[in-house]
């Protein structure tokens, strides 16, 4: 039981770490912020810098942070947008990948341990 708890905590820490590390991945996307909107049918969406992989969870906040840049520290200080749902989705995705890898490793270890026991 104690080993399972430690494994779960380790996998969660691994998933959080990978999600935070993914903030080094930069791209752009269209996002609607507090800009003056043109008349319809034109869109208010403008390209902004976003960080995070596979789902970007930090975006440049036009008018507050340096234009064309975003950062994790800026998001924590409120200078950039932090998208909690995308962050949590990334954590869950990395957690699922970690669980799959841990299950595969456990299966390989069990098979190799079984080979020595029954002599096959």
N, C-alpha and C. Protein backbone atom coordinates (compact mmCIF):
# COMPACT_ATOMS: atom_id res chain seq x y z
N UNK A 1 0.84 -1.20 0.00
CA UNK A 1 0.00 0.00 0.00
C UNK A 1 0.88 1.26 0.00
N UNK A 2 1.91 1.27 0.85
CA UNK A 2 2.79 2.42 0.95
C UNK A 2 3.53 2.64 -0.38
N UNK A 3 3.91 1.54 -1.03
CA UNK A 3 4.61 1.64 -2.31
C UNK A 3 3.70 2.23 -3.38
N UNK A 4 2.43 1.87 -3.36
CA UNK A 4 1.48 2.41 -4.33
C UNK A 4 1.29 3.91 -4.15
N UNK A 5 1.22 4.35 -2.91
CA UNK A 5 1.08 5.78 -2.63
C UNK A 5 2.32 6.53 -3.12
N UNK A 6 3.49 5.99 -2.84
CA UNK A 6 4.73 6.63 -3.29
C UNK A 6 4.81 6.67 -4.81
N UNK A 7 4.39 5.59 -5.46
CA UNK A 7 4.39 5.56 -6.92
C UNK A 7 3.42 6.60 -7.47
N UNK A 8 2.24 6.70 -6.87
CA UNK A 8 1.24 7.67 -7.33
C UNK A 8 1.74 9.10 -7.16
N UNK A 9 2.35 9.38 -6.01
CA UNK A 9 2.88 10.73 -5.76
C UNK A 9 4.02 11.02 -6.74
N UNK A 10 4.86 10.03 -6.99
CA UNK A 10 5.95 10.21 -7.94
C UNK A 10 5.45 10.47 -9.35
N UNK A 11 4.43 9.73 -9.78
CA UNK A 11 3.85 9.94 -11.11
C UNK A 11 3.20 11.31 -11.22
N UNK A 12 2.53 11.74 -10.16
CA UNK A 12 1.90 13.06 -10.18
C UNK A 12 2.97 14.16 -10.25
N UNK A 13 4.05 13.99 -9.47
CA UNK A 13 5.15 14.97 -9.52
C UNK A 13 5.79 14.99 -10.91
N UNK A 14 5.94 13.80 -11.52
CA UNK A 14 6.50 13.69 -12.86
C UNK A 14 5.61 14.42 -13.86
N UNK A 15 4.30 14.22 -13.76
CA UNK A 15 3.35 14.86 -14.67
C UNK A 15 3.36 16.39 -14.50
N UNK A 16 3.38 16.85 -13.26
CA UNK A 16 3.43 18.29 -13.01
C UNK A 16 4.73 18.89 -13.54
N UNK A 17 5.84 18.19 -13.31
CA UNK A 17 7.13 18.66 -13.79
C UNK A 17 7.18 18.76 -15.30
N UNK A 18 6.69 17.73 -15.99
CA UNK A 18 6.67 17.77 -17.46
C UNK A 18 5.75 18.87 -17.98
N UNK A 19 4.64 19.07 -17.32
CA UNK A 19 3.73 20.13 -17.74
C UNK A 19 4.38 21.49 -17.59
N UNK A 20 5.04 21.72 -16.47
CA UNK A 20 5.73 22.99 -16.26
C UNK A 20 6.88 23.14 -17.24
N UNK A 21 7.60 22.06 -17.49
CA UNK A 21 8.71 22.09 -18.44
C UNK A 21 8.21 22.38 -19.85
N UNK A 22 7.00 21.95 -20.16
CA UNK A 22 6.45 22.17 -21.50
C UNK A 22 6.18 23.65 -21.77
N UNK A 23 6.27 24.50 -20.74
CA UNK A 23 6.10 25.94 -20.97
C UNK A 23 7.27 26.51 -21.77
N UNK A 24 8.30 25.72 -22.00
CA UNK A 24 9.41 26.15 -22.86
C UNK A 24 9.05 26.04 -24.34
N UNK A 25 7.95 25.34 -24.64
CA UNK A 25 7.50 25.18 -26.03
C UNK A 25 6.61 26.38 -26.38
N UNK A 26 7.04 27.12 -27.38
CA UNK A 26 6.34 28.35 -27.76
C UNK A 26 5.69 28.20 -29.14
N UNK A 27 4.54 28.81 -29.30
CA UNK A 27 3.86 28.86 -30.60
C UNK A 27 2.95 30.08 -30.59
N UNK A 28 2.11 30.20 -31.59
CA UNK A 28 1.14 31.29 -31.63
C UNK A 28 -0.24 30.71 -31.92
N UNK A 29 -1.25 31.43 -31.52
CA UNK A 29 -2.63 31.05 -31.84
C UNK A 29 -3.48 32.31 -31.83
N UNK A 30 -4.65 32.21 -32.43
CA UNK A 30 -5.59 33.31 -32.40
C UNK A 30 -6.34 33.29 -31.08
N UNK A 31 -6.45 34.46 -30.47
CA UNK A 31 -7.12 34.55 -29.17
C UNK A 31 -7.85 35.88 -29.08
N UNK A 32 -9.03 35.86 -28.51
CA UNK A 32 -9.80 37.09 -28.30
C UNK A 32 -9.45 37.63 -26.92
N UNK A 33 -8.98 38.89 -26.90
CA UNK A 33 -8.70 39.55 -25.63
C UNK A 33 -9.47 40.86 -25.59
N UNK A 34 -9.03 41.83 -24.81
CA UNK A 34 -9.78 43.07 -24.60
C UNK A 34 -9.48 44.16 -25.62
N UNK A 35 -9.31 43.77 -26.88
CA UNK A 35 -9.04 44.76 -27.92
C UNK A 35 -10.34 45.34 -28.43
N UNK A 36 -10.19 46.48 -29.09
CA UNK A 36 -11.35 47.06 -29.78
C UNK A 36 -11.73 46.14 -30.93
N UNK A 37 -12.96 45.74 -30.96
CA UNK A 37 -13.41 44.81 -32.00
C UNK A 37 -13.86 45.58 -33.24
N UNK A 38 -13.49 45.07 -34.42
CA UNK A 38 -14.00 45.69 -35.65
C UNK A 38 -15.47 45.35 -35.81
N UNK A 39 -16.14 46.06 -36.71
CA UNK A 39 -17.56 45.74 -36.94
C UNK A 39 -17.74 44.32 -37.46
N UNK A 40 -18.89 43.74 -37.18
CA UNK A 40 -19.18 42.39 -37.67
C UNK A 40 -19.16 42.37 -39.17
N UNK A 41 -18.81 41.32 -39.81
CA UNK A 41 -18.53 39.96 -39.38
C UNK A 41 -17.06 39.71 -39.06
N UNK A 42 -16.23 40.75 -39.02
CA UNK A 42 -14.82 40.56 -38.70
C UNK A 42 -14.66 40.04 -37.27
N UNK A 43 -13.54 39.41 -37.01
CA UNK A 43 -13.31 38.79 -35.70
C UNK A 43 -12.42 39.67 -34.83
N UNK A 44 -12.56 39.50 -33.53
CA UNK A 44 -11.70 40.19 -32.57
C UNK A 44 -10.43 39.39 -32.28
N UNK A 45 -10.36 38.19 -32.79
CA UNK A 45 -9.21 37.33 -32.49
C UNK A 45 -7.95 37.88 -33.13
N UNK A 46 -6.87 37.89 -32.35
CA UNK A 46 -5.56 38.33 -32.82
C UNK A 46 -4.53 37.27 -32.48
N UNK A 47 -3.44 37.16 -33.25
CA UNK A 47 -2.40 36.18 -32.93
C UNK A 47 -1.62 36.61 -31.68
N UNK A 48 -1.43 35.67 -30.78
CA UNK A 48 -0.65 35.91 -29.56
C UNK A 48 0.33 34.76 -29.36
N UNK A 49 1.39 35.02 -28.62
CA UNK A 49 2.36 33.99 -28.27
C UNK A 49 1.75 33.14 -27.16
N UNK A 50 1.86 31.82 -27.30
CA UNK A 50 1.35 30.90 -26.28
C UNK A 50 2.45 29.91 -25.91
N UNK A 51 2.40 29.41 -24.69
CA UNK A 51 3.38 28.45 -24.18
C UNK A 51 2.67 27.23 -23.63
N UNK A 52 3.32 26.07 -23.77
CA UNK A 52 2.79 24.82 -23.25
C UNK A 52 2.59 23.82 -24.36
N UNK A 53 2.73 22.53 -23.99
CA UNK A 53 2.57 21.46 -24.97
C UNK A 53 1.98 20.25 -24.28
N UNK A 54 1.02 19.57 -24.86
CA UNK A 54 0.43 19.76 -26.17
C UNK A 54 -0.63 20.85 -26.20
N UNK A 55 -1.22 21.18 -25.07
CA UNK A 55 -2.20 22.27 -25.03
C UNK A 55 -1.54 23.50 -24.41
N UNK A 56 -1.50 24.62 -25.12
CA UNK A 56 -0.91 25.82 -24.55
C UNK A 56 -1.73 26.30 -23.35
N UNK A 57 -1.05 26.60 -22.25
CA UNK A 57 -1.76 27.04 -21.06
C UNK A 57 -1.34 28.43 -20.57
N UNK A 58 -0.41 29.06 -21.29
CA UNK A 58 -0.02 30.43 -20.99
C UNK A 58 -0.10 31.21 -22.29
N UNK A 59 -0.70 32.40 -22.25
CA UNK A 59 -0.75 33.24 -23.44
C UNK A 59 -0.38 34.67 -23.08
N UNK A 60 0.24 35.33 -24.03
CA UNK A 60 0.64 36.72 -23.87
C UNK A 60 -0.61 37.57 -23.65
N UNK A 61 -0.56 38.43 -22.64
CA UNK A 61 -1.69 39.31 -22.36
C UNK A 61 -1.40 40.67 -22.97
N UNK A 62 -2.10 40.98 -24.03
CA UNK A 62 -1.88 42.21 -24.78
C UNK A 62 -2.12 43.42 -23.87
N UNK A 63 -1.17 44.33 -23.86
CA UNK A 63 -1.34 45.57 -23.13
C UNK A 63 -0.77 45.54 -21.72
N UNK A 64 -0.44 44.37 -21.19
CA UNK A 64 0.12 44.30 -19.84
C UNK A 64 1.57 43.84 -19.89
N UNK A 65 1.82 42.68 -20.51
CA UNK A 65 3.19 42.17 -20.59
C UNK A 65 3.87 42.70 -21.84
N UNK A 66 5.15 42.43 -21.96
CA UNK A 66 5.89 42.82 -23.15
C UNK A 66 5.24 42.14 -24.36
N UNK A 67 4.92 42.91 -25.38
CA UNK A 67 4.23 42.38 -26.56
C UNK A 67 5.11 41.34 -27.25
N UNK A 68 4.50 40.21 -27.60
CA UNK A 68 5.22 39.16 -28.32
C UNK A 68 5.99 38.22 -27.42
N UNK A 69 5.74 38.27 -26.12
CA UNK A 69 6.42 37.34 -25.22
C UNK A 69 5.47 36.91 -24.12
N UNK A 70 5.70 35.72 -23.64
CA UNK A 70 4.93 35.18 -22.52
C UNK A 70 5.88 34.34 -21.69
N UNK A 71 5.58 34.18 -20.41
CA UNK A 71 6.44 33.36 -19.56
C UNK A 71 5.63 32.79 -18.40
N UNK A 72 6.17 31.74 -17.82
CA UNK A 72 5.53 31.13 -16.65
C UNK A 72 5.51 32.12 -15.49
N UNK A 73 6.62 32.82 -15.28
CA UNK A 73 6.66 33.80 -14.18
C UNK A 73 5.68 34.94 -14.45
N UNK A 74 5.56 35.35 -15.72
CA UNK A 74 4.59 36.39 -16.06
C UNK A 74 3.16 35.94 -15.79
N UNK A 75 2.88 34.67 -16.05
CA UNK A 75 1.54 34.14 -15.78
C UNK A 75 1.28 34.10 -14.27
N UNK A 76 2.30 33.72 -13.50
CA UNK A 76 2.14 33.66 -12.04
C UNK A 76 1.95 35.06 -11.44
N UNK A 77 2.55 36.07 -12.09
CA UNK A 77 2.42 37.44 -11.60
C UNK A 77 1.21 38.17 -12.17
N UNK A 78 0.47 37.51 -13.07
CA UNK A 78 -0.73 38.11 -13.63
C UNK A 78 -0.47 38.96 -14.85
N UNK A 79 0.75 38.98 -15.37
CA UNK A 79 1.07 39.77 -16.56
C UNK A 79 0.71 39.03 -17.84
N UNK A 80 0.58 37.71 -17.78
CA UNK A 80 0.16 36.88 -18.90
C UNK A 80 -1.03 36.06 -18.46
N UNK A 81 -1.80 35.56 -19.42
CA UNK A 81 -2.97 34.73 -19.11
C UNK A 81 -2.53 33.31 -18.77
N UNK A 82 -3.10 32.76 -17.71
CA UNK A 82 -2.90 31.36 -17.32
C UNK A 82 -4.23 30.65 -17.52
N UNK A 83 -4.24 29.62 -18.39
CA UNK A 83 -5.46 28.88 -18.70
C UNK A 83 -5.45 27.58 -17.88
N UNK A 84 -6.17 27.59 -16.78
CA UNK A 84 -6.16 26.47 -15.84
C UNK A 84 -6.64 25.17 -16.47
N UNK A 85 -7.69 25.22 -17.27
CA UNK A 85 -8.23 23.98 -17.85
C UNK A 85 -7.21 23.32 -18.78
N UNK A 86 -6.50 24.10 -19.58
CA UNK A 86 -5.47 23.53 -20.46
C UNK A 86 -4.30 22.99 -19.64
N UNK A 87 -3.94 23.68 -18.55
CA UNK A 87 -2.87 23.20 -17.67
C UNK A 87 -3.24 21.85 -17.06
N UNK A 88 -4.45 21.75 -16.54
CA UNK A 88 -4.90 20.50 -15.92
C UNK A 88 -5.01 19.38 -16.95
N UNK A 89 -5.44 19.70 -18.16
CA UNK A 89 -5.51 18.69 -19.22
C UNK A 89 -4.11 18.18 -19.56
N UNK A 90 -3.12 19.06 -19.61
CA UNK A 90 -1.74 18.63 -19.85
C UNK A 90 -1.24 17.73 -18.72
N UNK A 91 -1.55 18.10 -17.47
CA UNK A 91 -1.14 17.26 -16.33
C UNK A 91 -1.75 15.87 -16.46
N UNK A 92 -3.04 15.81 -16.77
CA UNK A 92 -3.72 14.52 -16.90
C UNK A 92 -3.12 13.71 -18.05
N UNK A 93 -2.84 14.36 -19.15
CA UNK A 93 -2.23 13.66 -20.29
C UNK A 93 -0.87 13.07 -19.91
N UNK A 94 -0.02 13.86 -19.28
CA UNK A 94 1.29 13.36 -18.88
C UNK A 94 1.17 12.28 -17.78
N UNK A 95 0.16 12.39 -16.94
CA UNK A 95 -0.08 11.37 -15.93
C UNK A 95 -0.49 10.05 -16.57
N UNK A 96 -1.35 10.10 -17.57
CA UNK A 96 -1.76 8.89 -18.29
C UNK A 96 -0.55 8.25 -18.98
N UNK A 97 0.28 9.07 -19.62
CA UNK A 97 1.49 8.54 -20.26
C UNK A 97 2.39 7.90 -19.21
N UNK A 98 2.54 8.53 -18.07
CA UNK A 98 3.36 7.97 -16.99
C UNK A 98 2.80 6.65 -16.48
N UNK A 99 1.49 6.57 -16.34
CA UNK A 99 0.87 5.32 -15.90
C UNK A 99 1.08 4.20 -16.91
N UNK A 100 0.97 4.54 -18.20
CA UNK A 100 1.20 3.53 -19.24
C UNK A 100 2.65 3.04 -19.22
N UNK A 101 3.59 3.95 -19.07
CA UNK A 101 5.00 3.57 -19.01
C UNK A 101 5.27 2.73 -17.76
N UNK A 102 4.72 3.13 -16.61
CA UNK A 102 4.93 2.37 -15.38
C UNK A 102 4.33 0.97 -15.49
N UNK A 103 3.16 0.87 -16.10
CA UNK A 103 2.54 -0.44 -16.29
C UNK A 103 3.37 -1.31 -17.22
N UNK A 104 3.89 -0.74 -18.29
CA UNK A 104 4.73 -1.50 -19.22
C UNK A 104 6.02 -1.98 -18.53
N UNK A 105 6.64 -1.11 -17.75
CA UNK A 105 7.86 -1.48 -17.03
C UNK A 105 7.57 -2.59 -16.03
N UNK A 106 6.48 -2.46 -15.31
CA UNK A 106 6.09 -3.48 -14.33
C UNK A 106 5.84 -4.82 -15.02
N UNK A 107 5.20 -4.79 -16.18
CA UNK A 107 4.91 -6.01 -16.93
C UNK A 107 6.21 -6.66 -17.41
N UNK A 108 7.14 -5.88 -17.93
CA UNK A 108 8.42 -6.42 -18.40
C UNK A 108 9.21 -7.01 -17.24
N UNK A 109 9.21 -6.33 -16.11
CA UNK A 109 9.91 -6.85 -14.93
C UNK A 109 9.30 -8.15 -14.44
N UNK A 110 7.97 -8.22 -14.46
CA UNK A 110 7.30 -9.45 -14.01
C UNK A 110 7.61 -10.61 -14.95
N UNK A 111 7.65 -10.35 -16.24
CA UNK A 111 7.97 -11.41 -17.21
C UNK A 111 9.41 -11.88 -17.05
N UNK A 112 10.33 -10.92 -16.88
CA UNK A 112 11.73 -11.34 -16.74
C UNK A 112 11.96 -12.05 -15.40
N UNK A 113 11.24 -11.68 -14.37
CA UNK A 113 11.35 -12.38 -13.10
C UNK A 113 10.73 -13.77 -13.20
N UNK A 114 9.65 -13.91 -13.98
CA UNK A 114 8.98 -15.19 -14.17
C UNK A 114 9.83 -16.15 -14.98
N UNK A 115 10.64 -15.66 -15.89
CA UNK A 115 11.49 -16.52 -16.72
C UNK A 115 12.49 -17.26 -15.84
N UNK A 116 13.06 -16.58 -14.88
CA UNK A 116 14.05 -17.22 -14.02
C UNK A 116 13.43 -18.21 -13.05
N UNK A 117 12.19 -18.03 -12.68
CA UNK A 117 11.55 -18.88 -11.68
C UNK A 117 11.15 -20.23 -12.27
N UNK A 118 10.49 -20.25 -13.43
CA UNK A 118 10.01 -21.51 -13.96
C UNK A 118 10.98 -22.13 -14.99
N UNK A 119 12.08 -21.45 -15.28
CA UNK A 119 13.11 -22.03 -16.14
C UNK A 119 12.84 -21.94 -17.62
N UNK A 120 11.86 -21.18 -18.06
CA UNK A 120 11.59 -21.07 -19.50
C UNK A 120 12.39 -19.96 -20.12
